[in-house]
């Protein structure tokens, strides 16, 4: 008979799976072109990240997972679910004590969602705000990740 894993071991694996799915979805999302299979994998990975973060994550993890889903759906030109997930995430990203990099990513994704919806004015506003916030990023690695995300968002 197989022994049940300890609850702390289960939580550790769930956190690992959430992180792995999250990272894979972002990696695929940063690609300038994807195959249909990669699009499907990106969507599945983003949903897996949300699933596991809902189990073991914080409200911040949930918001980041919803932002990822908004970005993925926008990349797939599916504006309705993109807007839904952006709406779920947005309150977290408008908190006054938020790091500039988090708000920059949120505006980049909001620009992408607006582009997918065909809302040119909102697209331009969020894109410009993302660029301004990116200038405040002092960590080179974070800036590189942001730039990789912004590269796949249509320029207004």
N, C-alpha and C. Protein backbone atom coordinates (compact mmCIF):
# COMPACT_ATOMS: atom_id res chain seq x y z
N UNK A 1 0.83 -1.18 0.00
CA UNK A 1 0.00 0.00 0.00
C UNK A 1 0.89 1.26 0.00
N UNK A 2 0.49 2.26 -0.78
CA UNK A 2 1.24 3.50 -0.89
C UNK A 2 0.75 4.46 0.19
N UNK A 3 1.70 5.03 0.90
CA UNK A 3 1.36 5.98 1.96
C UNK A 3 0.93 7.32 1.34
N UNK A 4 -0.02 7.94 1.98
CA UNK A 4 -0.46 9.28 1.56
C UNK A 4 0.68 10.26 1.81
N UNK A 5 0.94 11.17 0.86
CA UNK A 5 1.97 12.18 1.11
C UNK A 5 1.50 13.15 2.19
N UNK A 6 2.45 13.70 2.90
CA UNK A 6 2.14 14.68 3.93
C UNK A 6 1.55 15.93 3.27
N UNK A 7 0.62 16.60 3.93
CA UNK A 7 0.01 17.81 3.35
C UNK A 7 1.04 18.86 2.92
N UNK A 8 2.10 19.00 3.70
CA UNK A 8 3.12 20.00 3.33
C UNK A 8 3.87 19.59 2.06
N UNK A 9 4.01 18.28 1.83
CA UNK A 9 4.64 17.81 0.59
C UNK A 9 3.72 18.08 -0.60
N UNK A 10 2.44 17.86 -0.41
CA UNK A 10 1.47 18.13 -1.48
C UNK A 10 1.50 19.61 -1.84
N UNK A 11 1.49 20.48 -0.83
CA UNK A 11 1.52 21.92 -1.07
C UNK A 11 2.80 22.34 -1.78
N UNK A 12 3.91 21.75 -1.41
CA UNK A 12 5.18 22.05 -2.06
C UNK A 12 5.11 21.70 -3.55
N UNK A 13 4.60 20.52 -3.87
CA UNK A 13 4.47 20.12 -5.27
C UNK A 13 3.47 20.99 -6.00
N UNK A 14 2.39 21.38 -5.36
CA UNK A 14 1.42 22.25 -6.01
C UNK A 14 2.04 23.61 -6.33
N UNK A 15 2.86 24.13 -5.43
CA UNK A 15 3.56 25.40 -5.68
C UNK A 15 4.54 25.25 -6.84
N UNK A 16 5.24 24.11 -6.87
CA UNK A 16 6.18 23.86 -7.97
C UNK A 16 5.44 23.78 -9.30
N UNK A 17 4.31 23.09 -9.31
CA UNK A 17 3.54 22.95 -10.54
C UNK A 17 2.97 24.31 -10.98
N UNK A 18 2.51 25.10 -10.02
CA UNK A 18 2.00 26.44 -10.35
C UNK A 18 3.09 27.28 -10.99
N UNK A 19 4.25 27.26 -10.38
CA UNK A 19 5.38 28.04 -10.89
C UNK A 19 5.81 27.55 -12.26
N UNK A 20 5.91 26.25 -12.43
CA UNK A 20 6.32 25.68 -13.71
C UNK A 20 5.33 26.03 -14.81
N UNK A 21 4.05 25.88 -14.54
CA UNK A 21 3.03 26.20 -15.54
C UNK A 21 3.05 27.70 -15.86
N UNK A 22 3.18 28.53 -14.84
CA UNK A 22 3.26 29.97 -15.02
C UNK A 22 4.44 30.34 -15.92
N UNK A 23 5.60 29.81 -15.61
CA UNK A 23 6.80 30.14 -16.37
C UNK A 23 6.70 29.66 -17.82
N UNK A 24 6.13 28.48 -18.01
CA UNK A 24 5.99 27.95 -19.37
C UNK A 24 5.02 28.82 -20.18
N UNK A 25 3.92 29.22 -19.57
CA UNK A 25 2.96 30.06 -20.29
C UNK A 25 3.59 31.39 -20.68
N UNK A 26 4.34 32.01 -19.75
CA UNK A 26 4.98 33.29 -20.08
C UNK A 26 6.03 33.10 -21.17
N UNK A 27 6.79 32.01 -21.12
CA UNK A 27 7.80 31.76 -22.16
C UNK A 27 7.13 31.67 -23.53
N UNK A 28 6.05 30.92 -23.61
CA UNK A 28 5.33 30.81 -24.88
C UNK A 28 4.72 32.14 -25.29
N UNK A 29 4.21 32.89 -24.33
CA UNK A 29 3.59 34.18 -24.62
C UNK A 29 4.60 35.19 -25.17
N UNK A 30 5.85 35.04 -24.82
CA UNK A 30 6.88 35.97 -25.28
C UNK A 30 7.35 35.67 -26.70
N UNK A 31 6.97 34.54 -27.23
CA UNK A 31 7.39 34.16 -28.58
C UNK A 31 6.67 35.03 -29.61
N UNK A 32 7.40 35.57 -30.59
CA UNK A 32 6.73 36.41 -31.59
C UNK A 32 5.78 35.63 -32.49
N UNK A 33 6.05 34.34 -32.65
CA UNK A 33 5.16 33.47 -33.42
C UNK A 33 5.10 32.12 -32.73
N UNK A 34 3.91 31.53 -32.75
CA UNK A 34 3.71 30.20 -32.16
C UNK A 34 2.91 29.35 -33.13
N UNK A 35 3.11 28.06 -33.04
CA UNK A 35 2.28 27.13 -33.81
C UNK A 35 0.94 26.98 -33.10
N UNK A 36 0.00 26.33 -33.75
CA UNK A 36 -1.29 26.07 -33.12
C UNK A 36 -1.11 25.22 -31.87
N UNK A 37 -0.19 24.26 -31.91
CA UNK A 37 0.08 23.43 -30.74
C UNK A 37 0.68 24.25 -29.60
N UNK A 38 1.54 25.19 -29.93
CA UNK A 38 2.13 26.06 -28.90
C UNK A 38 1.08 27.00 -28.32
N UNK A 39 0.17 27.48 -29.16
CA UNK A 39 -0.94 28.30 -28.64
C UNK A 39 -1.76 27.50 -27.63
N UNK A 40 -2.07 26.26 -27.96
CA UNK A 40 -2.86 25.41 -27.06
C UNK A 40 -2.09 25.14 -25.78
N UNK A 41 -0.80 24.86 -25.90
CA UNK A 41 0.01 24.62 -24.71
C UNK A 41 0.07 25.87 -23.82
N UNK A 42 0.21 27.04 -24.45
CA UNK A 42 0.26 28.29 -23.70
C UNK A 42 -1.03 28.49 -22.90
N UNK A 43 -2.16 28.24 -23.53
CA UNK A 43 -3.45 28.40 -22.85
C UNK A 43 -3.60 27.38 -21.72
N UNK A 44 -3.25 26.13 -21.99
CA UNK A 44 -3.36 25.10 -20.95
C UNK A 44 -2.44 25.39 -19.78
N UNK A 45 -1.22 25.84 -20.08
CA UNK A 45 -0.27 26.16 -19.01
C UNK A 45 -0.78 27.33 -18.16
N UNK A 46 -1.34 28.34 -18.80
CA UNK A 46 -1.87 29.48 -18.05
C UNK A 46 -3.02 29.06 -17.15
N UNK A 47 -3.90 28.19 -17.65
CA UNK A 47 -5.00 27.71 -16.81
C UNK A 47 -4.48 26.81 -15.68
N UNK A 48 -3.47 26.01 -15.97
CA UNK A 48 -2.89 25.17 -14.91
C UNK A 48 -2.28 26.04 -13.82
N UNK A 49 -1.60 27.09 -14.21
CA UNK A 49 -1.02 28.01 -13.22
C UNK A 49 -2.12 28.59 -12.34
N UNK A 50 -3.21 29.03 -12.95
CA UNK A 50 -4.33 29.58 -12.17
C UNK A 50 -4.89 28.52 -11.23
N UNK A 51 -5.07 27.32 -11.73
CA UNK A 51 -5.62 26.24 -10.91
C UNK A 51 -4.77 26.02 -9.66
N UNK A 52 -3.48 25.87 -9.84
CA UNK A 52 -2.63 25.58 -8.68
C UNK A 52 -2.45 26.80 -7.78
N UNK A 53 -2.37 28.02 -8.37
CA UNK A 53 -2.25 29.20 -7.51
C UNK A 53 -3.52 29.40 -6.69
N UNK A 54 -4.66 29.01 -7.23
CA UNK A 54 -5.91 29.11 -6.44
C UNK A 54 -5.87 28.19 -5.23
N UNK A 55 -5.14 27.09 -5.33
CA UNK A 55 -5.04 26.14 -4.23
C UNK A 55 -4.01 26.59 -3.20
N UNK A 56 -2.84 27.01 -3.65
CA UNK A 56 -1.73 27.26 -2.71
C UNK A 56 -1.20 28.69 -2.72
N UNK A 57 -1.77 29.56 -3.54
CA UNK A 57 -1.21 30.89 -3.67
C UNK A 57 -1.87 31.93 -2.81
N UNK A 58 -1.31 33.12 -2.89
CA UNK A 58 -1.84 34.30 -2.21
C UNK A 58 -2.78 35.03 -3.16
N UNK A 59 -3.41 36.07 -2.67
CA UNK A 59 -4.25 36.88 -3.55
C UNK A 59 -3.41 37.50 -4.67
N UNK A 60 -2.17 37.82 -4.36
CA UNK A 60 -1.27 38.34 -5.39
C UNK A 60 -0.98 37.31 -6.46
N UNK A 61 -0.76 36.05 -6.05
CA UNK A 61 -0.55 34.98 -7.03
C UNK A 61 -1.78 34.83 -7.92
N UNK A 62 -2.96 34.91 -7.32
CA UNK A 62 -4.21 34.79 -8.09
C UNK A 62 -4.30 35.92 -9.11
N UNK A 63 -3.98 37.13 -8.68
CA UNK A 63 -4.05 38.28 -9.58
C UNK A 63 -3.06 38.13 -10.73
N UNK A 64 -1.86 37.69 -10.42
CA UNK A 64 -0.85 37.50 -11.48
C UNK A 64 -1.28 36.39 -12.45
N UNK A 65 -1.90 35.35 -11.93
CA UNK A 65 -2.38 34.27 -12.80
C UNK A 65 -3.51 34.77 -13.70
N UNK A 66 -4.39 35.59 -13.15
CA UNK A 66 -5.48 36.16 -13.95
C UNK A 66 -4.91 37.10 -15.01
N UNK A 67 -3.89 37.87 -14.67
CA UNK A 67 -3.25 38.75 -15.64
C UNK A 67 -2.62 37.93 -16.77
N UNK A 68 -1.97 36.84 -16.41
CA UNK A 68 -1.40 35.95 -17.42
C UNK A 68 -2.49 35.41 -18.35
N UNK A 69 -3.60 34.98 -17.78
CA UNK A 69 -4.70 34.48 -18.62
C UNK A 69 -5.25 35.58 -19.53
N UNK A 70 -5.36 36.79 -19.02
CA UNK A 70 -5.81 37.91 -19.86
C UNK A 70 -4.87 38.11 -21.04
N UNK A 71 -3.58 38.06 -20.77
CA UNK A 71 -2.57 38.25 -21.81
C UNK A 71 -2.65 37.12 -22.84
N UNK A 72 -2.75 35.90 -22.38
CA UNK A 72 -2.81 34.75 -23.27
C UNK A 72 -4.05 34.82 -24.15
N UNK A 73 -5.19 35.08 -23.57
CA UNK A 73 -6.41 35.18 -24.37
C UNK A 73 -6.33 36.33 -25.37
N UNK A 74 -5.71 37.44 -24.98
CA UNK A 74 -5.54 38.55 -25.92
C UNK A 74 -4.63 38.14 -27.07
N UNK A 75 -3.55 37.43 -26.76
CA UNK A 75 -2.66 36.95 -27.81
C UNK A 75 -3.38 36.00 -28.77
N UNK A 76 -4.34 35.27 -28.25
CA UNK A 76 -5.11 34.34 -29.06
C UNK A 76 -6.30 35.01 -29.76
N UNK A 77 -6.38 36.35 -29.61
CA UNK A 77 -7.46 37.15 -30.22
C UNK A 77 -8.84 36.71 -29.74
N UNK A 78 -8.91 36.48 -28.43
CA UNK A 78 -10.19 36.14 -27.79
C UNK A 78 -10.46 37.21 -26.73
N UNK A 79 -10.99 38.36 -27.15
CA UNK A 79 -11.11 39.51 -26.26
C UNK A 79 -12.06 39.34 -25.09
N UNK A 80 -13.12 38.54 -25.24
CA UNK A 80 -14.08 38.42 -24.13
C UNK A 80 -13.45 37.77 -22.90
N UNK A 81 -12.85 36.58 -23.02
CA UNK A 81 -12.21 36.03 -21.81
C UNK A 81 -11.00 36.85 -21.38
N UNK A 82 -10.32 37.49 -22.33
CA UNK A 82 -9.18 38.34 -21.97
C UNK A 82 -9.65 39.46 -21.05
N UNK A 83 -10.74 40.11 -21.43
CA UNK A 83 -11.27 41.21 -20.61
C UNK A 83 -11.78 40.71 -19.26
N UNK A 84 -12.37 39.54 -19.26
CA UNK A 84 -12.86 38.97 -18.00
C UNK A 84 -11.71 38.76 -17.01
N UNK A 85 -10.64 38.15 -17.47
CA UNK A 85 -9.52 37.89 -16.57
C UNK A 85 -8.79 39.17 -16.19
N UNK A 86 -8.70 40.13 -17.10
CA UNK A 86 -8.10 41.41 -16.75
C UNK A 86 -8.93 42.09 -15.66
N UNK A 87 -10.24 42.00 -15.78
CA UNK A 87 -11.11 42.56 -14.75
C UNK A 87 -10.89 41.91 -13.39
N UNK A 88 -10.67 40.61 -13.38
CA UNK A 88 -10.40 39.91 -12.12
C UNK A 88 -9.09 40.37 -11.49
N UNK A 89 -8.12 40.71 -12.31
CA UNK A 89 -6.79 41.06 -11.82
C UNK A 89 -6.63 42.54 -11.49
N UNK A 90 -7.39 43.39 -12.15
CA UNK A 90 -7.08 44.82 -12.15
C UNK A 90 -7.06 45.46 -10.77
N UNK A 91 -7.97 45.10 -9.89
CA UNK A 91 -8.01 45.72 -8.56
C UNK A 91 -6.67 45.53 -7.83
N UNK A 92 -6.10 44.35 -7.94
CA UNK A 92 -4.79 44.10 -7.30
C UNK A 92 -3.73 45.05 -7.86
N UNK A 93 -3.76 45.27 -9.17
CA UNK A 93 -2.70 46.05 -9.82
C UNK A 93 -2.90 47.55 -9.72
N UNK A 94 -3.95 47.98 -9.07
CA UNK A 94 -4.16 49.42 -8.86
C UNK A 94 -3.97 49.81 -7.40
N UNK A 95 -3.41 48.91 -6.61
CA UNK A 95 -3.13 49.23 -5.20
C UNK A 95 -1.98 50.24 -5.14
N UNK A 96 -2.04 51.19 -4.21
CA UNK A 96 -1.03 52.26 -4.18
C UNK A 96 0.40 51.79 -3.84
N UNK A 97 0.53 50.68 -3.15
CA UNK A 97 1.88 50.25 -2.74
C UNK A 97 2.49 49.22 -3.69
N UNK A 98 1.95 49.12 -4.88
CA UNK A 98 2.40 48.14 -5.85
C UNK A 98 3.73 48.55 -6.46
N UNK A 99 4.57 47.59 -6.73
CA UNK A 99 5.86 47.86 -7.37
C UNK A 99 5.63 48.34 -8.81
N UNK A 100 6.44 49.28 -9.28
CA UNK A 100 6.27 49.79 -10.64
C UNK A 100 6.30 48.70 -11.72
N UNK A 101 7.12 47.67 -11.51
CA UNK A 101 7.19 46.60 -12.52
C UNK A 101 5.86 45.87 -12.64
N UNK A 102 5.17 45.68 -11.50
CA UNK A 102 3.88 44.99 -11.56
C UNK A 102 2.85 45.82 -12.32
N UNK A 103 2.83 47.09 -12.04
CA UNK A 103 1.88 47.97 -12.72
C UNK A 103 2.22 48.09 -14.20
N UNK A 104 3.51 48.10 -14.53
CA UNK A 104 3.92 48.15 -15.93
C UNK A 104 3.41 46.93 -16.69
N UNK A 105 3.57 45.75 -16.10
CA UNK A 105 3.06 44.53 -16.73
C UNK A 105 1.55 44.60 -16.89
N UNK A 106 0.87 45.09 -15.87
CA UNK A 106 -0.59 45.18 -15.93
C UNK A 106 -1.03 46.10 -17.07
N UNK A 107 -0.35 47.22 -17.22
CA UNK A 107 -0.70 48.14 -18.31
C UNK A 107 -0.36 47.53 -19.67
N UNK A 108 0.74 46.79 -19.76
CA UNK A 108 1.08 46.13 -21.03
C UNK A 108 -0.01 45.12 -21.41
N UNK A 109 -0.45 44.35 -20.44
CA UNK A 109 -1.51 43.37 -20.71
C UNK A 109 -2.82 44.08 -21.02
N UNK A 110 -3.13 45.14 -20.30
CA UNK A 110 -4.35 45.91 -20.58
C UNK A 110 -4.30 46.46 -22.01
N UNK A 111 -3.14 46.90 -22.45
CA UNK A 111 -2.99 47.38 -23.83
C UNK A 111 -3.25 46.24 -24.81
N UNK A 112 -2.75 45.07 -24.50
CA UNK A 112 -2.95 43.91 -25.36
C UNK A 112 -4.42 43.52 -25.44
N UNK A 113 -5.09 43.55 -24.30
CA UNK A 113 -6.52 43.22 -24.27
C UNK A 113 -7.31 44.25 -25.07
N UNK A 114 -6.99 45.52 -24.89
CA UNK A 114 -7.68 46.57 -25.64
C UNK A 114 -7.44 46.42 -27.14
N UNK A 115 -6.22 46.05 -27.52
CA UNK A 115 -5.93 45.83 -28.95
C UNK A 115 -6.78 44.68 -29.49
N UNK A 116 -6.89 43.62 -28.70
CA UNK A 116 -7.69 42.46 -29.13
C UNK A 116 -9.16 42.84 -29.27
N UNK A 117 -9.62 43.79 -28.46
CA UNK A 117 -11.01 44.25 -28.52
C UNK A 117 -11.23 45.27 -29.63
N UNK A 118 -10.14 45.81 -30.19
CA UNK A 118 -10.27 46.85 -31.20
C UNK A 118 -10.53 48.22 -30.62
N UNK A 119 -10.16 48.43 -29.36
CA UNK A 119 -10.36 49.71 -28.67
C UNK A 119 -9.05 50.50 -28.75
N UNK A 120 -8.90 51.29 -29.80
CA UNK A 120 -7.65 51.98 -30.09
C UNK A 120 -7.25 52.98 -29.00
N UNK A 121 -8.20 53.73 -28.49
CA UNK A 121 -7.87 54.76 -27.49
C UNK A 121 -7.36 54.12 -26.19
N UNK A 122 -8.03 53.09 -25.71
CA UNK A 122 -7.61 52.41 -24.49
C UNK A 122 -6.28 51.69 -24.71
N UNK A 123 -6.13 51.11 -25.88
CA UNK A 123 -4.87 50.44 -26.24
C UNK A 123 -3.72 51.43 -26.14
N UNK A 124 -3.86 52.58 -26.78
CA UNK A 124 -2.78 53.59 -26.78
C UNK A 124 -2.49 54.10 -25.37
N UNK A 125 -3.54 54.33 -24.59
CA UNK A 125 -3.35 54.86 -23.23
C UNK A 125 -2.57 53.88 -22.35
N UNK A 126 -2.98 52.61 -22.37
CA UNK A 126 -2.29 51.62 -21.53
C UNK A 126 -0.88 51.34 -22.04
N UNK A 127 -0.70 51.34 -23.34
CA UNK A 127 0.63 51.10 -23.91
C UNK A 127 1.58 52.21 -23.47
N UNK A 128 1.13 53.46 -23.57
CA UNK A 128 1.97 54.60 -23.16
C UNK A 128 2.30 54.53 -21.67
N UNK A 129 1.32 54.17 -20.85
CA UNK A 129 1.55 54.07 -19.40
C UNK A 129 2.55 52.96 -19.09
N UNK A 130 2.45 51.85 -19.79
CA UNK A 130 3.40 50.75 -19.60
C UNK A 130 4.82 51.21 -19.90
N UNK A 131 4.98 51.96 -20.98
CA UNK A 131 6.31 52.45 -21.37
C UNK A 131 6.87 53.41 -20.31
N UNK A 132 6.03 54.29 -19.78
CA UNK A 132 6.47 55.24 -18.74
C UNK A 132 6.91 54.47 -17.49
N UNK A 133 6.10 53.51 -17.08
CA UNK A 133 6.43 52.73 -15.88
C UNK A 133 7.69 51.89 -16.08
N UNK A 134 7.91 51.45 -17.28
CA UNK A 134 9.11 50.64 -17.57
C UNK A 134 10.38 51.45 -17.32
N UNK A 135 10.31 52.74 -17.51
CA UNK A 135 11.47 53.59 -17.28
C UNK A 135 11.89 53.61 -15.81
N UNK A 136 10.98 53.26 -14.91
CA UNK A 136 11.29 53.23 -13.47
C UNK A 136 11.92 51.92 -13.03
N UNK A 137 11.97 50.95 -13.92
CA UNK A 137 12.53 49.64 -13.56
C UNK A 137 14.04 49.74 -13.47
N UNK A 138 14.58 49.36 -12.32
CA UNK A 138 16.03 49.43 -12.14
C UNK A 138 16.71 48.08 -12.28
N UNK A 139 15.94 47.01 -12.12
CA UNK A 139 16.49 45.67 -12.23
C UNK A 139 16.50 45.26 -13.71
N UNK A 140 17.70 44.96 -14.23
CA UNK A 140 17.85 44.65 -15.65
C UNK A 140 17.09 43.38 -16.04
N UNK A 141 17.06 42.39 -15.19
CA UNK A 141 16.37 41.14 -15.51
C UNK A 141 14.86 41.38 -15.62
N UNK A 142 14.32 42.15 -14.70
CA UNK A 142 12.89 42.47 -14.75
C UNK A 142 12.57 43.27 -16.00
N UNK A 143 13.44 44.22 -16.33
CA UNK A 143 13.22 45.04 -17.52
C UNK A 143 13.27 44.17 -18.78
N UNK A 144 14.18 43.21 -18.82
CA UNK A 144 14.25 42.30 -19.97
C UNK A 144 12.97 41.49 -20.10
N UNK A 145 12.45 41.00 -18.97
CA UNK A 145 11.19 40.24 -19.02
C UNK A 145 10.05 41.13 -19.50
N UNK A 146 10.01 42.35 -19.00
CA UNK A 146 8.97 43.28 -19.42
C UNK A 146 9.08 43.56 -20.91
N UNK A 147 10.29 43.83 -21.38
CA UNK A 147 10.48 44.12 -22.80
C UNK A 147 10.04 42.94 -23.67
N UNK A 148 10.31 41.72 -23.21
CA UNK A 148 9.88 40.53 -23.96
C UNK A 148 8.36 40.47 -24.04
N UNK A 149 7.69 40.89 -22.98
CA UNK A 149 6.23 40.92 -23.00
C UNK A 149 5.72 42.03 -23.90
N UNK A 150 6.28 43.22 -23.77
CA UNK A 150 5.79 44.35 -24.56
C UNK A 150 6.03 44.13 -26.06
N UNK A 151 7.06 43.37 -26.42
CA UNK A 151 7.34 43.12 -27.84
C UNK A 151 6.18 42.40 -28.55
N UNK A 152 5.39 41.63 -27.80
CA UNK A 152 4.29 40.91 -28.45
C UNK A 152 2.97 41.68 -28.39
N UNK A 153 2.97 42.81 -27.73
CA UNK A 153 1.78 43.66 -27.68
C UNK A 153 1.83 44.58 -28.90
N UNK A 154 0.76 44.63 -29.67
CA UNK A 154 0.78 45.52 -30.86
C UNK A 154 1.07 46.96 -30.46
N UNK A 155 1.89 47.61 -31.26
CA UNK A 155 2.18 49.03 -31.03
C UNK A 155 1.00 49.83 -31.55
N UNK A 156 0.50 50.78 -30.75
CA UNK A 156 -0.65 51.58 -31.22
C UNK A 156 -0.29 52.43 -32.43
